[in-house]
C-alpha cells in the first residue's frame, strides 16, 4: 500500500530542506532513489501544507529496515504506524511539522 502524508509547517523553506535531507539520507541508506514525490505547497493562515507520496519500493524498504521500530507503535493499521514513524523521524531531525496520513 502506498502511503501519502500531508505535512503542515509554519517554516516551509526550513522544514522542506530538512525533510529533503532526511529523505535523501534514508534513500542512500536503503539504496532506493527517487522514492517519493512532493506536491506543490498551499498556504493558509500562516501554515503551509504539502504532500509527500511514497513510492511502493521506498516504503517497503523503510518498513523492512525499520520494521521492529514501526511495529512498536500502538496504532490500528500499518499506514498509521508508518505515518507516526515518519513524523518521529522528521521531528528527530529538527523538523517542527505535523503530519496527517491520507492513505
PDB file of N, CA and C in Angstrom:
ATOM      1  N   UNK A   1       0.834  -1.179   0.000  1.00  0.00           N
ATOM      2  CA  UNK A   1       0.000   0.000   0.000  1.00  0.00           C
ATOM      3  C   UNK A   1       0.878   1.241   0.000  1.00  0.00           C
ATOM      4  N   UNK A   2       0.612   2.148  -0.934  1.00  0.00           N
ATOM      5  CA  UNK A   2       1.344   3.409  -0.974  1.00  0.00           C
ATOM      6  C   UNK A   2       0.746   4.370   0.045  1.00  0.00           C
ATOM      7  N   UNK A   3       1.613   5.049   0.773  1.00  0.00           N
ATOM      8  CA  UNK A   3       1.169   5.997   1.784  1.00  0.00           C
ATOM      9  C   UNK A   3       1.462   7.406   1.305  1.00  0.00           C
ATOM     10  N   UNK A   4       0.494   8.294   1.515  1.00  0.00           N
ATOM     11  CA  UNK A   4       0.677   9.714   1.250  1.00  0.00           C
ATOM     12  C   UNK A   4       0.482  10.440   2.566  1.00  0.00           C
ATOM     13  N   UNK A   5       1.436  11.307   2.878  1.00  0.00           N
ATOM     14  CA  UNK A   5       1.382  12.083   4.106  1.00  0.00           C
ATOM     15  C   UNK A   5       1.152  13.544   3.764  1.00  0.00           C
ATOM     16  N   UNK A   6       0.288  14.209   4.522  1.00  0.00           N
ATOM     17  CA  UNK A   6       0.123  15.649   4.387  1.00  0.00           C
ATOM     18  C   UNK A   6       0.922  16.313   5.496  1.00  0.00           C
ATOM     19  N   UNK A   7       1.852  17.171   5.110  1.00  0.00           N
ATOM     20  CA  UNK A   7       2.738  17.831   6.051  1.00  0.00           C
ATOM     21  C   UNK A   7       2.252  19.260   6.259  1.00  0.00           C
ATOM     22  N   UNK A   8       2.200  19.694   7.518  1.00  0.00           N
ATOM     23  CA  UNK A   8       1.825  21.058   7.875  1.00  0.00           C
ATOM     24  C   UNK A   8       2.998  21.695   8.597  1.00  0.00           C
ATOM     25  N   UNK A   9       3.379  22.900   8.158  1.00  0.00           N
ATOM     26  CA  UNK A   9       4.524  23.572   8.758  1.00  0.00           C
ATOM     27  C   UNK A   9       4.315  25.079   8.769  1.00  0.00           C
ATOM     28  N   UNK A  10       4.964  25.748   9.706  1.00  0.00           N
ATOM     29  CA  UNK A  10       4.960  27.205   9.728  1.00  0.00           C
ATOM     30  C   UNK A  10       6.267  27.755   9.178  1.00  0.00           C
ATOM     31  N   UNK A  11       7.234  26.898   8.911  1.00  0.00           N
ATOM     32  CA  UNK A  11       8.525  27.292   8.322  1.00  0.00           C
ATOM     33  C   UNK A  11       8.771  26.415   7.101  1.00  0.00           C
ATOM     34  N   UNK A  12       8.077  26.723   6.026  1.00  0.00           N
ATOM     35  CA  UNK A  12       8.097  25.862   4.849  1.00  0.00           C
ATOM     36  C   UNK A  12       9.508  25.632   4.309  1.00  0.00           C
ATOM     37  N   UNK A  13      10.243  26.693   4.038  1.00  0.00           N
ATOM     38  CA  UNK A  13      11.557  26.528   3.401  1.00  0.00           C
ATOM     39  C   UNK A  13      12.537  25.778   4.302  1.00  0.00           C
ATOM     40  N   UNK A  14      12.553  26.110   5.579  1.00  0.00           N
ATOM     41  CA  UNK A  14      13.458  25.428   6.506  1.00  0.00           C
ATOM     42  C   UNK A  14      13.107  23.959   6.679  1.00  0.00           C
ATOM     43  N   UNK A  15      11.832  23.687   6.902  1.00  0.00           N
ATOM     44  CA  UNK A  15      11.413  22.301   7.103  1.00  0.00           C
ATOM     45  C   UNK A  15      11.509  21.487   5.815  1.00  0.00           C
ATOM     46  N   UNK A  16      11.218  22.111   4.674  1.00  0.00           N
ATOM     47  CA  UNK A  16      11.344  21.394   3.401  1.00  0.00           C
ATOM     48  C   UNK A  16      12.784  20.945   3.174  1.00  0.00           C
ATOM     49  N   UNK A  17      13.735  21.825   3.478  1.00  0.00           N
ATOM     50  CA  UNK A  17      15.141  21.470   3.326  1.00  0.00           C
ATOM     51  C   UNK A  17      15.508  20.305   4.247  1.00  0.00           C
ATOM     52  N   UNK A  18      15.056  20.365   5.507  1.00  0.00           N
ATOM     53  CA  UNK A  18      15.353  19.276   6.448  1.00  0.00           C
ATOM     54  C   UNK A  18      14.691  17.966   6.022  1.00  0.00           C
ATOM     55  N   UNK A  19      13.467  18.046   5.513  1.00  0.00           N
ATOM     56  CA  UNK A  19      12.769  16.838   5.053  1.00  0.00           C
ATOM     57  C   UNK A  19      13.488  16.234   3.860  1.00  0.00           C
ATOM     58  N   UNK A  20      13.887  17.070   2.908  1.00  0.00           N
ATOM     59  CA  UNK A  20      14.600  16.560   1.733  1.00  0.00           C
ATOM     60  C   UNK A  20      15.928  15.923   2.123  1.00  0.00           C
ATOM     61  N   UNK A  21      16.658  16.550   3.054  1.00  0.00           N
ATOM     62  CA  UNK A  21      17.923  15.978   3.523  1.00  0.00           C
ATOM     63  C   UNK A  21      17.684  14.641   4.221  1.00  0.00           C
ATOM     64  N   UNK A  22      16.653  14.594   5.065  1.00  0.00           N
ATOM     65  CA  UNK A  22      16.342  13.367   5.797  1.00  0.00           C
ATOM     66  C   UNK A  22      15.961  12.236   4.852  1.00  0.00           C
ATOM     67  N   UNK A  23      15.114  12.548   3.870  1.00  0.00           N
ATOM     68  CA  UNK A  23      14.696  11.517   2.913  1.00  0.00           C
ATOM     69  C   UNK A  23      15.848  11.098   2.002  1.00  0.00           C
ATOM     70  N   UNK A  24      16.711  12.038   1.655  1.00  0.00           N
ATOM     71  CA  UNK A  24      17.886  11.707   0.844  1.00  0.00           C
ATOM     72  C   UNK A  24      18.802  10.752   1.604  1.00  0.00           C
ATOM     73  N   UNK A  25      18.989  11.032   2.887  1.00  0.00           N
ATOM     74  CA  UNK A  25      19.812  10.147   3.718  1.00  0.00           C
ATOM     75  C   UNK A  25      19.177   8.757   3.807  1.00  0.00           C
ATOM     76  N   UNK A  26      17.855   8.724   3.971  1.00  0.00           N
ATOM     77  CA  UNK A  26      17.139   7.444   4.044  1.00  0.00           C
ATOM     78  C   UNK A  26      17.286   6.682   2.733  1.00  0.00           C
ATOM     79  N   UNK A  27      17.156   7.385   1.606  1.00  0.00           N
ATOM     80  CA  UNK A  27      17.305   6.741   0.299  1.00  0.00           C
ATOM     81  C   UNK A  27      18.705   6.147   0.146  1.00  0.00           C
ATOM     82  N   UNK A  28      19.725   6.899   0.551  1.00  0.00           N
ATOM     83  CA  UNK A  28      21.097   6.401   0.458  1.00  0.00           C
ATOM     84  C   UNK A  28      21.298   5.175   1.334  1.00  0.00           C
ATOM     85  N   UNK A  29      20.759   5.222   2.535  1.00  0.00           N
ATOM     86  CA  UNK A  29      20.875   4.109   3.475  1.00  0.00           C
ATOM     87  C   UNK A  29      20.240   2.839   2.917  1.00  0.00           C
ATOM     88  N   UNK A  30      19.100   3.001   2.234  1.00  0.00           N
ATOM     89  CA  UNK A  30      18.340   1.852   1.749  1.00  0.00           C
ATOM     90  C   UNK A  30      18.644   1.474   0.304  1.00  0.00           C
ATOM     91  N   UNK A  31      19.384   2.329  -0.405  1.00  0.00           N
ATOM     92  CA  UNK A  31      19.686   2.050  -1.807  1.00  0.00           C
ATOM     93  C   UNK A  31      18.493   2.235  -2.725  1.00  0.00           C
ATOM     94  N   UNK A  32      17.538   3.049  -2.312  1.00  0.00           N
ATOM     95  CA  UNK A  32      16.357   3.367  -3.129  1.00  0.00           C
ATOM     96  C   UNK A  32      16.428   4.845  -3.489  1.00  0.00           C
ATOM     97  N   UNK A  33      16.279   5.145  -4.744  1.00  0.00           N
ATOM     98  CA  UNK A  33      16.364   6.541  -5.171  1.00  0.00           C
ATOM     99  C   UNK A  33      15.091   6.939  -5.894  1.00  0.00           C
ATOM    100  N   UNK A  34      14.771   8.229  -5.846  1.00  0.00           N
ATOM    101  CA  UNK A  34      13.519   8.749  -6.405  1.00  0.00           C
ATOM    102  C   UNK A  34      12.331   8.016  -5.805  1.00  0.00           C
ATOM    103  N   UNK A  35      12.350   7.862  -4.494  1.00  0.00           N
ATOM    104  CA  UNK A  35      11.339   7.061  -3.811  1.00  0.00           C
ATOM    105  C   UNK A  35      10.134   7.826  -3.309  1.00  0.00           C
ATOM    106  N   UNK A  36      10.087   9.121  -3.568  1.00  0.00           N
ATOM    107  CA  UNK A  36       8.954   9.902  -3.091  1.00  0.00           C
ATOM    108  C   UNK A  36       8.695  11.072  -4.035  1.00  0.00           C
ATOM    109  N   UNK A  37       7.491  11.634  -3.920  1.00  0.00           N
ATOM    110  CA  UNK A  37       7.094  12.780  -4.733  1.00  0.00           C
ATOM    111  C   UNK A  37       6.495  13.820  -3.803  1.00  0.00           C
ATOM    112  N   UNK A  38       6.922  15.079  -3.973  1.00  0.00           N
ATOM    113  CA  UNK A  38       6.376  16.185  -3.192  1.00  0.00           C
ATOM    114  C   UNK A  38       5.369  16.956  -4.023  1.00  0.00           C
ATOM    115  N   UNK A  39       4.273  17.360  -3.406  1.00  0.00           N
ATOM    116  CA  UNK A  39       3.274  18.169  -4.110  1.00  0.00           C
ATOM    117  C   UNK A  39       3.627  19.648  -3.992  1.00  0.00           C
ATOM    118  N   UNK A  40       2.906  20.458  -4.737  1.00  0.00           N
ATOM    119  CA  UNK A  40       3.051  21.908  -4.627  1.00  0.00           C
ATOM    120  C   UNK A  40       2.471  22.350  -3.280  1.00  0.00           C
ATOM    121  N   UNK A  41       3.084  23.351  -2.647  1.00  0.00           N
ATOM    122  CA  UNK A  41       2.577  23.804  -1.349  1.00  0.00           C
ATOM    123  C   UNK A  41       1.340  24.693  -1.486  1.00  0.00           C
ATOM    124  N   UNK A  42       0.539  24.688  -0.445  1.00  0.00           N
ATOM    125  CA  UNK A  42      -0.606  25.580  -0.319  1.00  0.00           C
ATOM    126  C   UNK A  42      -0.517  26.250   1.047  1.00  0.00           C
ATOM    127  N   UNK A  43      -0.759  27.542   1.094  1.00  0.00           N
ATOM    128  CA  UNK A  43      -0.628  28.298   2.337  1.00  0.00           C
ATOM    129  C   UNK A  43      -1.987  28.776   2.806  1.00  0.00           C
ATOM    130  N   UNK A  44      -2.190  28.686   4.140  1.00  0.00           N
ATOM    131  CA  UNK A  44      -3.445  29.111   4.723  1.00  0.00           C
ATOM    132  C   UNK A  44      -3.222  29.466   6.191  1.00  0.00           C
ATOM    133  N   UNK A  45      -3.565  30.684   6.585  1.00  0.00           N
ATOM    134  CA  UNK A  45      -3.468  31.139   7.970  1.00  0.00           C
ATOM    135  C   UNK A  45      -2.075  30.961   8.570  1.00  0.00           C
ATOM    136  N   UNK A  46      -1.035  31.218   7.804  1.00  0.00           N
ATOM    137  CA  UNK A  46       0.328  31.117   8.303  1.00  0.00           C
ATOM    138  C   UNK A  46       0.923  29.724   8.258  1.00  0.00           C
ATOM    139  N   UNK A  47       0.151  28.753   7.863  1.00  0.00           N
ATOM    140  CA  UNK A  47       0.621  27.375   7.736  1.00  0.00           C
ATOM    141  C   UNK A  47       0.796  27.045   6.268  1.00  0.00           C
ATOM    142  N   UNK A  48       1.765  26.217   5.973  1.00  0.00           N
ATOM    143  CA  UNK A  48       1.952  25.717   4.618  1.00  0.00           C
ATOM    144  C   UNK A  48       1.736  24.216   4.646  1.00  0.00           C
ATOM    145  N   UNK A  49       0.968  23.741   3.665  1.00  0.00           N
ATOM    146  CA  UNK A  49       0.618  22.327   3.571  1.00  0.00           C
ATOM    147  C   UNK A  49       1.146  21.775   2.255  1.00  0.00           C
ATOM    148  N   UNK A  50       1.728  20.589   2.317  1.00  0.00           N
ATOM    149  CA  UNK A  50       2.134  19.884   1.108  1.00  0.00           C
ATOM    150  C   UNK A  50       2.097  18.399   1.383  1.00  0.00           C
ATOM    151  N   UNK A  51       2.139  17.624   0.329  1.00  0.00           N
ATOM    152  CA  UNK A  51       2.028  16.169   0.465  1.00  0.00           C
ATOM    153  C   UNK A  51       3.320  15.491   0.054  1.00  0.00           C
ATOM    154  N   UNK A  52       3.600  14.392   0.732  1.00  0.00           N
ATOM    155  CA  UNK A  52       4.700  13.504   0.370  1.00  0.00           C
ATOM    156  C   UNK A  52       4.072  12.157   0.028  1.00  0.00           C
ATOM    157  N   UNK A  53       4.220  11.744  -1.216  1.00  0.00           N
ATOM    158  CA  UNK A  53       3.721  10.431  -1.644  1.00  0.00           C
ATOM    159  C   UNK A  53       4.919   9.499  -1.760  1.00  0.00           C
ATOM    160  N   UNK A  54       4.894   8.420  -1.003  1.00  0.00           N
ATOM    161  CA  UNK A  54       5.977   7.441  -1.028  1.00  0.00           C
ATOM    162  C   UNK A  54       5.706   6.413  -2.113  1.00  0.00           C
ATOM    163  N   UNK A  55       6.716   6.130  -2.897  1.00  0.00           N
ATOM    164  CA  UNK A  55       6.586   5.070  -3.898  1.00  0.00           C
ATOM    165  C   UNK A  55       6.698   3.727  -3.183  1.00  0.00           C
ATOM    166  N   UNK A  56       6.061   2.724  -3.765  1.00  0.00           N
ATOM    167  CA  UNK A  56       5.930   1.418  -3.108  1.00  0.00           C
ATOM    168  C   UNK A  56       7.274   0.805  -2.721  1.00  0.00           C
ATOM    169  N   UNK A  57       8.286   0.883  -3.603  1.00  0.00           N
ATOM    170  CA  UNK A  57       9.568   0.249  -3.290  1.00  0.00           C
ATOM    171  C   UNK A  57      10.289   0.952  -2.139  1.00  0.00           C
ATOM    172  N   UNK A  58      10.184   2.279  -2.073  1.00  0.00           N
ATOM    173  CA  UNK A  58      10.828   3.032  -0.992  1.00  0.00           C
ATOM    174  C   UNK A  58      10.127   2.756   0.333  1.00  0.00           C
ATOM    175  N   UNK A  59       8.817   2.775   0.322  1.00  0.00           N
ATOM    176  CA  UNK A  59       8.050   2.490   1.533  1.00  0.00           C
ATOM    177  C   UNK A  59       8.326   1.079   2.039  1.00  0.00           C
ATOM    178  N   UNK A  60       8.361   0.115   1.131  1.00  0.00           N
ATOM    179  CA  UNK A  60       8.635  -1.275   1.519  1.00  0.00           C
ATOM    180  C   UNK A  60      10.034  -1.410   2.115  1.00  0.00           C
ATOM    181  N   UNK A  61      11.011  -0.705   1.551  1.00  0.00           N
ATOM    182  CA  UNK A  61      12.379  -0.755   2.074  1.00  0.00           C
ATOM    183  C   UNK A  61      12.447  -0.149   3.473  1.00  0.00           C
ATOM    184  N   UNK A  62      11.724   0.948   3.702  1.00  0.00           N
ATOM    185  CA  UNK A  62      11.684   1.564   5.035  1.00  0.00           C
ATOM    186  C   UNK A  62      11.044   0.603   6.029  1.00  0.00           C
ATOM    187  N   UNK A  63       9.918   0.009   5.635  1.00  0.00           N
ATOM    188  CA  UNK A  63       9.221  -0.913   6.534  1.00  0.00           C
ATOM    189  C   UNK A  63      10.047  -2.154   6.830  1.00  0.00           C
ATOM    190  N   UNK A  64      10.840  -2.602   5.868  1.00  0.00           N
ATOM    191  CA  UNK A  64      11.697  -3.768   6.103  1.00  0.00           C
ATOM    192  C   UNK A  64      12.850  -3.426   7.036  1.00  0.00           C
ATOM    193  N   UNK A  65      13.507  -2.301   6.786  1.00  0.00           N
ATOM    194  CA  UNK A  65      14.674  -1.900   7.576  1.00  0.00           C
ATOM    195  C   UNK A  65      14.295  -1.522   9.012  1.00  0.00           C
ATOM    196  N   UNK A  66      13.183  -0.813   9.159  1.00  0.00           N
ATOM    197  CA  UNK A  66      12.776  -0.295  10.460  1.00  0.00           C
ATOM    198  C   UNK A  66      11.509  -0.965  10.988  1.00  0.00           C
ATOM    199  N   UNK A  67      11.231  -2.171  10.521  1.00  0.00           N
ATOM    200  CA  UNK A  67      10.017  -2.887  10.904  1.00  0.00           C
ATOM    201  C   UNK A  67       9.860  -3.072  12.396  1.00  0.00           C
ATOM    202  N   UNK A  68      10.957  -3.341  13.099  1.00  0.00           N
ATOM    203  CA  UNK A  68      10.865  -3.535  14.540  1.00  0.00           C
ATOM    204  C   UNK A  68      10.445  -2.248  15.246  1.00  0.00           C
ATOM    205  N   UNK A  69      10.941  -1.101  14.771  1.00  0.00           N
ATOM    206  CA  UNK A  69      10.558   0.183  15.360  1.00  0.00           C
ATOM    207  C   UNK A  69       9.122   0.542  15.006  1.00  0.00           C
ATOM    208  N   UNK A  70       8.748   0.337  13.755  1.00  0.00           N
ATOM    209  CA  UNK A  70       7.394   0.665  13.297  1.00  0.00           C
ATOM    210  C   UNK A  70       6.372  -0.212  14.013  1.00  0.00           C
ATOM    211  N   UNK A  71       6.708  -1.469  14.223  1.00  0.00           N
ATOM    212  CA  UNK A  71       5.797  -2.404  14.878  1.00  0.00           C
ATOM    213  C   UNK A  71       5.478  -2.057  16.319  1.00  0.00           C
ATOM    214  N   UNK A  72       6.311  -1.254  16.968  1.00  0.00           N
ATOM    215  CA  UNK A  72       6.092  -0.900  18.366  1.00  0.00           C
ATOM    216  C   UNK A  72       5.030   0.180  18.558  1.00  0.00           C
ATOM    217  N   UNK A  73       4.682   0.884  17.481  1.00  0.00           N
ATOM    218  CA  UNK A  73       3.645   1.908  17.609  1.00  0.00           C
ATOM    219  C   UNK A  73       2.295   1.245  17.822  1.00  0.00           C
ATOM    220  N   UNK A  74       1.489   1.822  18.673  1.00  0.00           N
ATOM    221  CA  UNK A  74       0.200   1.239  19.036  1.00  0.00           C
ATOM    222  C   UNK A  74      -0.936   1.891  18.247  1.00  0.00           C
ATOM    223  N   UNK A  75      -0.847   1.830  16.950  1.00  0.00           N
ATOM    224  CA  UNK A  75      -1.895   2.346  16.081  1.00  0.00           C
ATOM    225  C   UNK A  75      -2.585   1.164  15.437  1.00  0.00           C
ATOM    226  N   UNK A  76      -3.763   1.405  14.908  1.00  0.00           N
ATOM    227  CA  UNK A  76      -4.600   0.300  14.446  1.00  0.00           C
ATOM    228  C   UNK A  76      -4.130  -0.340  13.153  1.00  0.00           C
ATOM    229  N   UNK A  77      -3.548   0.421  12.244  1.00  0.00           N
ATOM    230  CA  UNK A  77      -3.140  -0.207  10.982  1.00  0.00           C
ATOM    231  C   UNK A  77      -1.723   0.207  10.587  1.00  0.00           C
ATOM    232  N   UNK A  78      -1.193  -0.468   9.596  1.00  0.00           N
ATOM    233  CA  UNK A  78       0.194  -0.267   9.180  1.00  0.00           C
ATOM    234  C   UNK A  78       0.434   1.140   8.648  1.00  0.00           C
ATOM    235  N   UNK A  79      -0.530   1.726   7.942  1.00  0.00           N
ATOM    236  CA  UNK A  79      -0.378   3.083   7.416  1.00  0.00           C
ATOM    237  C   UNK A  79      -0.198   4.091   8.533  1.00  0.00           C
ATOM    238  N   UNK A  80      -0.990   3.970   9.583  1.00  0.00           N
ATOM    239  CA  UNK A  80      -0.879   4.881  10.717  1.00  0.00           C
ATOM    240  C   UNK A  80       0.449   4.700  11.440  1.00  0.00           C
ATOM    241  N   UNK A  81       0.895   3.462  11.572  1.00  0.00           N
ATOM    242  CA  UNK A  81       2.195   3.202  12.199  1.00  0.00           C
ATOM    243  C   UNK A  81       3.319   3.814  11.375  1.00  0.00           C
ATOM    244  N   UNK A  82       3.237   3.647  10.048  1.00  0.00           N
ATOM    245  CA  UNK A  82       4.253   4.211   9.159  1.00  0.00           C
ATOM    246  C   UNK A  82       4.252   5.738   9.263  1.00  0.00           C
ATOM    247  N   UNK A  83       3.078   6.342   9.285  1.00  0.00           N
ATOM    248  CA  UNK A  83       2.967   7.795   9.411  1.00  0.00           C
ATOM    249  C   UNK A  83       3.543   8.309  10.713  1.00  0.00           C
ATOM    250  N   UNK A  84       3.280   7.618  11.795  1.00  0.00           N
ATOM    251  CA  UNK A  84       3.821   8.019  13.097  1.00  0.00           C
ATOM    252  C   UNK A  84       5.341   7.872  13.118  1.00  0.00           C
ATOM    253  N   UNK A  85       5.846   6.789  12.521  1.00  0.00           N
ATOM    254  CA  UNK A  85       7.292   6.600  12.435  1.00  0.00           C
ATOM    255  C   UNK A  85       7.930   7.751  11.658  1.00  0.00           C
ATOM    256  N   UNK A  86       7.333   8.133  10.517  1.00  0.00           N
ATOM    257  CA  UNK A  86       7.903   9.213   9.710  1.00  0.00           C
ATOM    258  C   UNK A  86       7.801  10.550  10.436  1.00  0.00           C
ATOM    259  N   UNK A  87       6.737  10.770  11.186  1.00  0.00           N
ATOM    260  CA  UNK A  87       6.619  12.000  11.987  1.00  0.00           C
ATOM    261  C   UNK A  87       7.770  12.084  12.977  1.00  0.00           C
ATOM    262  N   UNK A  88       8.007  11.005  13.706  1.00  0.00           N
ATOM    263  CA  UNK A  88       9.107  10.985  14.680  1.00  0.00           C
ATOM    264  C   UNK A  88      10.460  11.083  13.992  1.00  0.00           C
ATOM    265  N   UNK A  89      10.607  10.469  12.817  1.00  0.00           N
ATOM    266  CA  UNK A  89      11.844  10.535  12.056  1.00  0.00           C
ATOM    267  C   UNK A  89      12.167  11.985  11.681  1.00  0.00           C
ATOM    268  N   UNK A  90      11.163  12.704  11.176  1.00  0.00           N
ATOM    269  CA  UNK A  90      11.386  14.112  10.799  1.00  0.00           C
ATOM    270  C   UNK A  90      11.607  14.987  12.025  1.00  0.00           C
ATOM    271  N   UNK A  91      10.833  14.787  13.079  1.00  0.00           N
ATOM    272  CA  UNK A  91      10.991  15.588  14.291  1.00  0.00           C
ATOM    273  C   UNK A  91      12.375  15.398  14.916  1.00  0.00           C
ATOM    274  N   UNK A  92      12.898  14.193  14.871  1.00  0.00           N
ATOM    275  CA  UNK A  92      14.223  13.919  15.425  1.00  0.00           C
ATOM    276  C   UNK A  92      15.321  14.626  14.639  1.00  0.00           C
ATOM    277  N   UNK A  93      15.031  15.017  13.414  1.00  0.00           N
ATOM    278  CA  UNK A  93      15.998  15.716  12.581  1.00  0.00           C
ATOM    279  C   UNK A  93      15.751  17.217  12.526  1.00  0.00           C
ATOM    280  N   UNK A  94      14.982  17.728  13.473  1.00  0.00           N
ATOM    281  CA  UNK A  94      14.792  19.161  13.604  1.00  0.00           C
ATOM    282  C   UNK A  94      13.605  19.757  12.870  1.00  0.00           C
ATOM    283  N   UNK A  95      12.800  18.933  12.235  1.00  0.00           N
ATOM    284  CA  UNK A  95      11.611  19.432  11.533  1.00  0.00           C
ATOM    285  C   UNK A  95      10.475  19.586  12.535  1.00  0.00           C
ATOM    286  N   UNK A  96       9.938  20.779  12.626  1.00  0.00           N
ATOM    287  CA  UNK A  96       8.802  21.009  13.519  1.00  0.00           C
ATOM    288  C   UNK A  96       7.538  20.971  12.678  1.00  0.00           C
ATOM    289  N   UNK A  97       7.135  19.775  12.289  1.00  0.00           N
ATOM    290  CA  UNK A  97       5.993  19.592  11.379  1.00  0.00           C
ATOM    291  C   UNK A  97       4.930  18.724  12.021  1.00  0.00           C
ATOM    292  N   UNK A  98       3.738  18.876  11.525  1.00  0.00           N
ATOM    293  CA  UNK A  98       2.620  17.998  11.885  1.00  0.00           C
ATOM    294  C   UNK A  98       2.296  17.184  10.638  1.00  0.00           C
ATOM    295  N   UNK A  99       1.983  15.909  10.829  1.00  0.00           N
ATOM    296  CA  UNK A  99       1.741  15.028   9.692  1.00  0.00           C
ATOM    297  C   UNK A  99       0.400  14.327   9.853  1.00  0.00           C
ATOM    298  N   UNK A 100      -0.329  14.305   8.751  1.00  0.00           N
ATOM    299  CA  UNK A 100      -1.614  13.605   8.685  1.00  0.00           C
ATOM    300  C   UNK A 100      -1.504  12.529   7.611  1.00  0.00           C
ATOM    301  N   UNK A 101      -1.974  11.333   7.917  1.00  0.00           N
ATOM    302  CA  UNK A 101      -1.943  10.223   6.948  1.00  0.00           C
ATOM    303  C   UNK A 101      -3.158  10.343   6.053  1.00  0.00           C
ATOM    304  N   UNK A 102      -2.928  10.382   4.733  1.00  0.00           N
ATOM    305  CA  UNK A 102      -4.039  10.482   3.795  1.00  0.00           C
ATOM    306  C   UNK A 102      -4.444   9.126   3.249  1.00  0.00           C
ATOM    307  N   UNK A 103      -3.493   8.211   3.064  1.00  0.00           N
ATOM    308  CA  UNK A 103      -3.812   6.865   2.564  1.00  0.00           C
ATOM    309  C   UNK A 103      -2.967   5.854   3.278  1.00  0.00           C
TER     310      UNK A 103
END
